[in-house]
Structures are given as C-alpha cells and as structure tokens.
Amino acid sequence: MPSREISLHDKLVTRIQALALISYGISILDVSHTLQIPPSTLYNIQK
C-alpha cells in the first residue's frame, strides 16, 4: 500500500472514531439530562 493511501486511511479512521466519541458523549448527556443525573456518574457506570 502506498504511503499516501495509508495516511488517508488513518485520517478516515480517526475521523470516524472522533464522530463516534462525539455521538457517544451526546447520548450520555441526553440520558443524564432526561434522568437528571450528572454526566460524570453515568460515565463511571459505563466504564
């Protein structure tokens, strides 16, 4: 695989991971907002 393709693939993967993390964080915030629980406790439960 040429180095250019590898770097492009890495960028894609990191972008997907970032999006997943963002949506994961948003879902935690949504749940904490509806249940009136601080996000930190929810985060600790999910670990």
C-alpha atoms as a PDB file:
ATOM      1  CA  MET A   1       0.000   0.000   0.000  1.00  0.00           C
ATOM      2  CA  PRO A   2       1.423   3.410  -0.939  1.00  0.00           C
ATOM      3  CA  SER A   3       2.113   5.735   1.963  1.00  0.00           C
ATOM      4  CA  ARG A   4      -0.424   8.258   0.682  1.00  0.00           C
ATOM      5  CA  GLU A   5      -3.235   5.679   0.874  1.00  0.00           C
ATOM      6  CA  ILE A   6      -2.217   4.700   4.390  1.00  0.00           C
ATOM      7  CA  SER A   7      -2.269   8.274   5.676  1.00  0.00           C
ATOM      8  CA  LEU A   8      -5.631   8.852   4.011  1.00  0.00           C
ATOM      9  CA  HIS A   9      -6.980   5.695   5.642  1.00  0.00           C
ATOM     10  CA  ASP A  10      -5.648   6.805   9.030  1.00  0.00           C
ATOM     11  CA  LYS A  11      -7.329  10.186   8.667  1.00  0.00           C
ATOM     12  CA  LEU A  12     -10.601   8.462   7.818  1.00  0.00           C
ATOM     13  CA  VAL A  13     -10.351   6.128  10.809  1.00  0.00           C
ATOM     14  CA  THR A  14      -9.541   8.926  13.250  1.00  0.00           C
ATOM     15  CA  ARG A  15     -12.415  10.993  11.869  1.00  0.00           C
ATOM     16  CA  ILE A  16     -14.832   8.080  12.326  1.00  0.00           C
ATOM     17  CA  GLN A  17     -13.536   7.484  15.860  1.00  0.00           C
ATOM     18  CA  ALA A  18     -13.953  11.169  16.682  1.00  0.00           C
ATOM     19  CA  LEU A  19     -17.522  11.143  15.359  1.00  0.00           C
ATOM     20  CA  ALA A  20     -18.309   8.017  17.373  1.00  0.00           C
ATOM     21  CA  LEU A  21     -16.886   9.600  20.522  1.00  0.00           C
ATOM     22  CA  ILE A  22     -18.860  12.786  19.930  1.00  0.00           C
ATOM     23  CA  SER A  23     -22.154  10.948  19.392  1.00  0.00           C
ATOM     24  CA  TYR A  24     -21.390   8.749  22.425  1.00  0.00           C
ATOM     25  CA  GLY A  25     -20.815  11.840  24.533  1.00  0.00           C
ATOM     26  CA  ILE A  26     -24.016  13.443  23.256  1.00  0.00           C
ATOM     27  CA  SER A  27     -26.051  10.328  24.091  1.00  0.00           C
ATOM     28  CA  ILE A  28     -24.613  10.313  27.631  1.00  0.00           C
ATOM     29  CA  LEU A  29     -25.522  13.983  28.006  1.00  0.00           C
ATOM     30  CA  ASP A  30     -29.044  13.307  26.708  1.00  0.00           C
ATOM     31  CA  VAL A  31     -29.593  10.460  29.167  1.00  0.00           C
ATOM     32  CA  SER A  32     -28.175  12.463  32.067  1.00  0.00           C
ATOM     33  CA  HIS A  33     -30.411  15.391  31.141  1.00  0.00           C
ATOM     34  CA  THR A  34     -33.596  13.311  30.976  1.00  0.00           C
ATOM     35  CA  LEU A  35     -32.798  11.364  34.153  1.00  0.00           C
ATOM     36  CA  GLN A  36     -31.411  14.446  35.947  1.00  0.00           C
ATOM     37  CA  ILE A  37     -28.143  12.630  36.748  1.00  0.00           C
ATOM     38  CA  PRO A  38     -24.773  14.335  36.424  1.00  0.00           C
ATOM     39  CA  PRO A  39     -22.912  13.050  33.331  1.00  0.00           C
ATOM     40  CA  SER A  40     -19.877  12.021  35.401  1.00  0.00           C
ATOM     41  CA  THR A  41     -21.834   9.338  37.289  1.00  0.00           C
ATOM     42  CA  LEU A  42     -23.233   7.968  34.032  1.00  0.00           C
ATOM     43  CA  TYR A  43     -19.737   7.932  32.570  1.00  0.00           C
ATOM     44  CA  ASN A  44     -18.432   5.962  35.560  1.00  0.00           C
ATOM     45  CA  ILE A  45     -21.292   3.448  35.248  1.00  0.00           C
ATOM     46  CA  GLN A  46     -20.484   2.820  31.572  1.00  0.00           C
ATOM     47  CA  LYS A  47     -16.783   2.125  32.241  1.00  0.00           C
END
